[in-house]
Protein backbone atom coordinates (compact mmCIF):
# COMPACT_ATOMS: atom_id res chain seq x y z
CA UNK A 1 -0.10 0.04 -0.10
CA UNK A 2 3.01 2.41 1.16
CA UNK A 3 4.76 1.54 -2.13
CA UNK A 4 2.08 2.47 -4.46
CA UNK A 5 1.29 5.62 -2.50
CA UNK A 6 4.88 7.02 -3.38
CA UNK A 7 5.01 5.84 -6.52
CA UNK A 8 1.77 7.80 -7.05
CA UNK A 9 3.20 11.30 -4.72
CA UNK A 10 6.65 10.84 -6.72
CA UNK A 11 4.68 11.24 -9.87
CA UNK A 12 2.06 13.96 -8.62
CA UNK A 13 5.19 16.24 -7.53
CA UNK A 14 6.74 15.30 -11.47
CA UNK A 15 4.20 16.21 -12.56
CA UNK A 16 3.67 19.93 -10.42
CA UNK A 17 7.56 20.58 -11.08
CA UNK A 18 7.22 20.17 -14.57
CA UNK A 19 4.29 22.46 -15.02
CA UNK A 20 6.58 25.14 -12.63
CA UNK A 21 9.46 25.01 -14.72
CA UNK A 22 6.70 25.51 -17.90
CA UNK A 23 5.53 28.87 -15.71
CA UNK A 24 2.20 27.47 -14.23
CA UNK A 25 2.17 29.04 -10.88
CA UNK A 26 -1.67 27.78 -10.53
CA UNK A 27 -3.20 24.97 -10.00
CA UNK A 28 -7.15 23.85 -9.80
CA UNK A 29 -8.06 21.46 -6.82
CA UNK A 30 -11.40 20.21 -6.54
CA UNK A 31 -13.40 20.48 -2.83
CA UNK A 32 -13.04 16.54 -3.90
CA UNK A 33 -9.54 16.32 -4.21
CA UNK A 34 -9.05 18.93 -0.99
CA UNK A 35 -11.67 16.47 1.25
CA UNK A 36 -10.03 13.63 0.21
CA UNK A 37 -5.75 15.20 0.69
CA UNK A 38 -7.31 16.16 4.62
CA UNK A 39 -8.14 12.31 4.77
CA UNK A 40 -5.53 10.88 7.52
CA UNK A 41 -2.88 8.34 5.40
CA UNK A 42 -3.26 5.12 5.85
CA UNK A 43 -1.70 2.99 9.03
CA UNK A 44 1.01 0.72 6.60
CA UNK A 45 2.17 4.34 5.10
CA UNK A 46 2.12 6.51 9.02
CA UNK A 47 4.53 3.16 10.07
CA UNK A 48 6.13 3.26 6.96
CA UNK A 49 7.17 7.35 7.82
CA UNK A 50 7.98 6.68 11.44
CA UNK A 51 10.13 3.97 10.39
CA UNK A 52 12.08 5.98 7.98
CA UNK A 53 12.42 8.95 10.24
CA UNK A 54 13.49 6.61 12.92
CA UNK A 55 16.35 5.27 10.22
CA UNK A 56 17.08 8.77 9.91
CA UNK A 57 18.37 9.74 13.04
CA UNK A 58 19.98 6.87 13.67
CA UNK A 59 22.24 8.16 10.54
CA UNK A 60 22.46 11.32 12.12
CA UNK A 61 24.72 11.28 14.45
CA UNK A 62 27.69 9.70 12.08
CA UNK A 63 27.15 11.43 9.18
CA UNK A 64 26.61 15.05 10.50
CA UNK A 65 28.78 17.10 8.27
CA UNK A 66 26.40 15.30 4.73
CA UNK A 67 23.22 16.00 6.91
CA UNK A 68 24.28 20.13 7.32
CA UNK A 69 25.81 20.23 3.31
CA UNK A 70 22.30 18.35 2.28
CA UNK A 71 20.42 21.22 4.70
CA UNK A 72 21.74 24.45 3.84
CA UNK A 73 21.71 22.82 -0.51
CA UNK A 74 18.00 22.81 -0.18
CA UNK A 75 17.71 26.14 1.74
CA UNK A 76 19.71 27.95 -0.52
CA UNK A 77 17.60 26.24 -3.63
CA UNK A 78 14.50 27.11 -2.38
CA UNK A 79 15.05 30.48 -1.20
CA UNK A 80 15.89 31.01 -5.59
CA UNK A 81 14.26 33.66 -6.29
CA UNK A 82 11.46 33.65 -9.17
CA UNK A 83 12.76 35.49 -11.91
CA UNK A 84 15.80 33.36 -11.96
CA UNK A 85 14.02 29.48 -12.25
CA UNK A 86 15.83 26.37 -12.46
CA UNK A 87 16.71 26.37 -17.07
CA UNK A 88 14.16 23.73 -17.78
CA UNK A 89 15.04 20.82 -19.55
CA UNK A 90 15.84 20.12 -23.15
CA UNK A 91 13.02 18.46 -25.24
CA UNK A 92 13.26 16.60 -28.62
CA UNK A 93 12.30 18.95 -31.42
CA UNK A 94 8.68 16.79 -31.61
CA UNK A 95 8.42 16.88 -27.85
CA UNK A 96 9.00 21.23 -27.95
CA UNK A 97 6.77 21.55 -31.80
CA UNK A 98 3.72 19.22 -29.14
CA UNK A 99 4.26 21.66 -26.16
CA UNK A 100 4.58 24.84 -27.53
CA UNK A 101 1.27 23.76 -29.94
CA UNK A 102 -0.42 23.01 -26.75
CA UNK A 103 -0.04 26.48 -25.16
CA UNK A 104 -0.32 28.03 -28.47
CA UNK A 105 -3.72 26.03 -28.02
CA UNK A 106 -3.92 28.01 -24.29
CA UNK A 107 -3.55 31.10 -25.32
CA UNK A 108 -5.89 30.93 -28.56
CA UNK A 109 -8.89 29.74 -26.13
CA UNK A 110 -7.98 32.54 -23.27
CA UNK A 111 -10.51 34.57 -21.48
CA UNK A 112 -8.81 35.22 -17.77
CA UNK A 113 -9.40 38.54 -18.56
CA UNK A 114 -12.38 39.34 -19.41
CA UNK A 115 -13.32 42.56 -20.74
CA UNK A 116 -10.39 42.03 -23.16
CA UNK A 117 -11.57 38.22 -24.78
CA UNK A 118 -14.94 39.84 -25.67
CA UNK A 119 -13.17 42.78 -27.42
CA UNK A 120 -10.59 41.27 -29.50
CA UNK A 121 -10.65 39.96 -33.42
CA UNK A 122 -7.33 37.99 -32.34
CA UNK A 123 -4.59 36.59 -29.61
CA UNK A 124 -1.24 37.57 -31.04
CA UNK A 125 0.59 34.29 -29.75
CA UNK A 126 3.89 35.09 -31.52
CA UNK A 127 5.85 35.16 -34.93
CA UNK A 128 9.01 32.88 -35.63
CA UNK A 129 11.26 29.51 -34.92
CA UNK A 130 10.82 27.90 -31.56
CA UNK A 131 14.41 27.28 -32.25
CA UNK A 132 15.56 31.13 -32.22
CA UNK A 133 18.19 32.22 -30.25
CA UNK A 134 17.31 36.16 -30.09
CA UNK A 135 13.83 36.92 -28.71
CA UNK A 136 12.07 39.94 -29.09
CA UNK A 137 9.44 41.23 -26.58
CA UNK A 138 6.64 43.76 -26.80
CA UNK A 139 4.34 45.13 -24.88
CA UNK A 140 0.83 44.22 -26.35
CA UNK A 141 -1.38 44.57 -29.58
CA UNK A 142 -2.71 46.75 -31.60
CA UNK A 143 -4.67 47.18 -34.37
CA UNK A 144 -3.18 45.62 -36.95
CA UNK A 145 -1.96 43.17 -35.17
CA UNK A 146 -5.22 42.56 -33.64
CA UNK A 147 -6.42 41.87 -37.26
CA UNK A 148 -3.42 39.48 -38.44
CA UNK A 149 -3.38 37.68 -35.02
CA UNK A 150 0.64 38.17 -34.97
CA UNK A 151 2.44 40.69 -32.97
CA UNK A 152 4.29 43.38 -34.88
CA UNK A 153 2.78 43.74 -37.97
CA UNK A 154 1.97 46.94 -38.41
CA UNK A 155 4.22 50.06 -39.24
CA UNK A 156 6.49 50.08 -36.07
CA UNK A 157 6.73 45.66 -36.85
CA UNK A 158 7.93 46.80 -40.17
CA UNK A 159 11.32 48.83 -38.92
CA UNK A 160 11.60 45.75 -36.59
CA UNK A 161 11.74 44.22 -39.56
CA UNK A 162 14.30 46.26 -41.03
CA UNK A 163 16.75 46.29 -37.56
CA UNK A 164 16.18 42.43 -37.71
CA UNK A 165 17.41 42.22 -41.03
CA UNK A 166 20.28 45.13 -40.55
CA UNK A 167 21.96 42.23 -38.49
CA UNK A 168 21.40 39.53 -40.94
CA UNK A 169 18.47 37.98 -39.50
CA UNK A 170 15.09 37.78 -40.73
CA UNK A 171 11.67 37.23 -38.59
CA UNK A 172 11.39 33.80 -39.22
CA UNK A 173 15.16 33.34 -37.75
CA UNK A 174 13.97 35.15 -34.00
CA UNK A 175 11.62 34.69 -32.36
CA UNK A 176 8.81 37.85 -31.47
CA UNK A 177 5.60 37.67 -29.18
CA UNK A 178 4.23 40.82 -26.35
CA UNK A 179 3.88 40.28 -22.44
CA UNK A 180 0.26 40.80 -23.57
CA UNK A 181 -1.53 38.79 -26.01
CA UNK A 182 -4.95 40.23 -26.39
CA UNK A 183 -5.12 44.29 -27.90
CA UNK A 184 -5.81 46.49 -24.57
CA UNK A 185 -9.36 47.31 -25.26
CA UNK A 186 -10.44 50.98 -26.14
CA UNK A 187 -14.16 51.72 -25.09
CA UNK A 188 -15.23 54.74 -26.32
CA UNK A 189 -12.67 54.88 -28.80
CA UNK A 190 -12.54 54.68 -32.48
CA UNK A 191 -8.90 54.24 -32.89
CA UNK A 192 -5.89 53.82 -31.26
CA UNK A 193 -4.20 52.47 -28.67
CA UNK A 194 -3.50 51.97 -24.34
CA UNK A 195 -1.04 50.82 -22.06
CA UNK A 196 -1.98 47.56 -20.79
CA UNK A 197 -2.46 47.68 -17.19
CA UNK A 198 -0.68 45.64 -14.47
CA UNK A 199 -2.79 43.94 -13.74
CA UNK A 200 -3.57 42.72 -17.71
CA UNK A 201 0.11 42.39 -17.65
CA UNK A 202 0.36 40.27 -14.35
CA UNK A 203 -1.83 37.51 -15.23
CA UNK A 204 -1.62 37.22 -18.96
CA UNK A 205 2.69 36.85 -18.67
CA UNK A 206 2.78 33.70 -17.66
CA UNK A 207 2.27 32.79 -21.15
CA UNK A 208 4.96 34.75 -22.33
CA UNK A 209 6.98 32.91 -19.52
CA UNK A 210 6.35 29.30 -20.99
CA UNK A 211 7.18 30.23 -24.70
CA UNK A 212 10.54 31.78 -23.27
CA UNK A 213 10.79 28.26 -21.26
CA UNK A 214 10.44 26.74 -24.13
CA UNK A 215 12.65 28.54 -26.65
CA UNK A 216 15.05 29.20 -24.11
CA UNK A 217 16.58 32.10 -26.58
CA UNK A 218 20.66 33.35 -25.59
CA UNK A 219 19.60 36.41 -25.82
CA UNK A 220 15.98 38.67 -24.87
CA UNK A 221 15.45 41.99 -26.61
CA UNK A 222 12.65 44.60 -24.21
CA UNK A 223 11.36 46.57 -26.84
CA UNK A 224 9.66 50.06 -24.44
CA UNK A 225 9.77 51.09 -21.66
CA UNK A 226 6.02 48.97 -20.83
CA UNK A 227 7.78 46.14 -21.47
CA UNK A 228 11.04 46.79 -19.60
CA UNK A 229 8.50 47.38 -17.11
CA UNK A 230 6.52 44.66 -17.51
CA UNK A 231 9.36 42.43 -16.80
CA UNK A 232 11.49 43.74 -14.36
CA UNK A 233 9.71 45.62 -12.46
CA UNK A 234 9.89 49.84 -12.41
CA UNK A 235 12.93 51.38 -13.17
CA UNK A 236 15.43 54.10 -14.00
CA UNK A 237 12.88 54.82 -16.79
CA UNK A 238 14.20 53.27 -20.66
CA UNK A 239 16.17 56.41 -21.58
CA UNK A 240 18.60 55.44 -18.98
CA UNK A 241 18.50 51.84 -19.12
CA UNK A 242 19.15 51.02 -22.78
CA UNK A 243 22.13 49.66 -23.46
CA UNK A 244 22.75 47.86 -20.42
CA UNK A 245 22.45 44.33 -19.83
CA UNK A 246 19.84 42.79 -17.56
CA UNK A 247 18.90 39.54 -16.67
CA UNK A 248 15.69 38.06 -16.76
CA UNK A 249 14.20 33.98 -16.00
CA UNK A 250 18.39 33.41 -16.47
CA UNK A 251 19.19 35.28 -19.82
CA UNK A 252 20.73 37.91 -21.33
CA UNK A 253 18.51 40.43 -21.08
CA UNK A 254 18.96 44.35 -23.56
CA UNK A 255 16.71 46.84 -22.78
CA UNK A 256 15.44 48.89 -25.56
CA UNK A 257 13.86 51.80 -27.51
CA UNK A 258 10.46 50.39 -28.88
CA UNK A 259 10.41 51.01 -32.57
CA UNK A 260 6.68 53.66 -32.70
CA UNK A 261 9.70 55.61 -30.49
CA UNK A 262 11.64 55.52 -34.18
CA UNK A 263 9.17 56.40 -35.76
CA UNK A 264 7.81 59.64 -33.87
CA UNK A 265 11.37 60.68 -32.97
CA UNK A 266 14.16 60.19 -36.62
CA UNK A 267 17.32 61.90 -35.83
CA UNK A 268 19.96 59.73 -36.53
CA UNK A 269 20.90 59.86 -32.89
CA UNK A 270 18.12 58.00 -31.94
CA UNK A 271 18.40 55.41 -34.72
CA UNK A 272 21.88 54.71 -33.07
CA UNK A 273 21.55 54.51 -30.09
CA UNK A 274 19.22 51.47 -30.64
CA UNK A 275 21.35 50.32 -33.47
CA UNK A 276 24.10 49.73 -30.70
CA UNK A 277 22.02 48.11 -28.55
CA UNK A 278 21.52 45.61 -31.09
CA UNK A 279 24.82 45.78 -31.85
CA UNK A 280 25.60 44.83 -28.35
CA UNK A 281 23.10 42.09 -28.73
CA UNK A 282 24.80 40.41 -31.81
CA UNK A 283 28.58 40.41 -29.99
CA UNK A 284 27.40 38.66 -26.78
CA UNK A 285 25.34 36.23 -29.99
CA UNK A 286 28.72 36.29 -31.35
CA UNK A 287 28.01 36.73 -34.71
CA UNK A 288 29.83 38.33 -37.38
CA UNK A 289 29.44 42.43 -37.59
CA UNK A 290 31.04 43.97 -40.86
CA UNK A 291 32.27 47.36 -40.46
CA UNK A 292 29.65 49.02 -42.75
CA UNK A 293 27.06 47.39 -39.79
CA UNK A 294 29.61 48.64 -37.04
CA UNK A 295 29.34 53.04 -38.41
CA UNK A 296 25.80 52.56 -39.03
CA UNK A 297 23.56 55.99 -38.38
CA UNK A 298 26.95 56.93 -37.95
CA UNK A 299 27.76 61.51 -39.27
CA UNK A 300 29.48 60.30 -42.65
């Protein structure tokens, strides 16, 4: 009886650990299951547990340093910050594709934010290679993205595509996603966008966490102040933060200006700042950089 119980317990713990490694933070438990868990353990199991405790107690005296080291290691692991999880296990290509497809289906059917689900046309889940070394993260879909169900397809997206191409990559080589998968609703407005709220981003960001954990990019680029705030919390501001390496969930993160900012401010100096950030990303990825690329947006 105790053996079967232990096997079931171990399988349950492993399943929960797998969910946690993929960004899941809450699991629904039925009242019936809670009542069953509240019942006392079988007599055989309680006896087995007492025997294990006695064995541990008798061996502790002769192996005190090892026991202390084990407890220290366990405590260090338990106190790891949530923003730096243990690396997710590498999946085979078919497993990874299946996991990503399942994640996409869950996101497409999500109605956690009822006001966004009722106003959206499409969920802009993400686009690009699930094996990408480079991942771009924005804040939320706009009207064009809501219409097409793909992030960064409007004017800002077209500029982002040009920036990616300038590095020698294509949209198909990288992965592009937003913190929010649905367009923020704009009640009473016929056009325009609004900034996603902190609650909306907190509700949706587990999907992004799962995307990051499955893709396991070598570098993440955060596009704009809202994306940076959503990922890192309130900071010094994008003007002071851009160009400085941060870490998010164990991955190097480069904050930079949103392409929409460059559409509003087309000064050569501002374009150069974004390009300097991308040069740093290319160096981090050990990509070849030509002299021509190094001189982009510099005065002749």
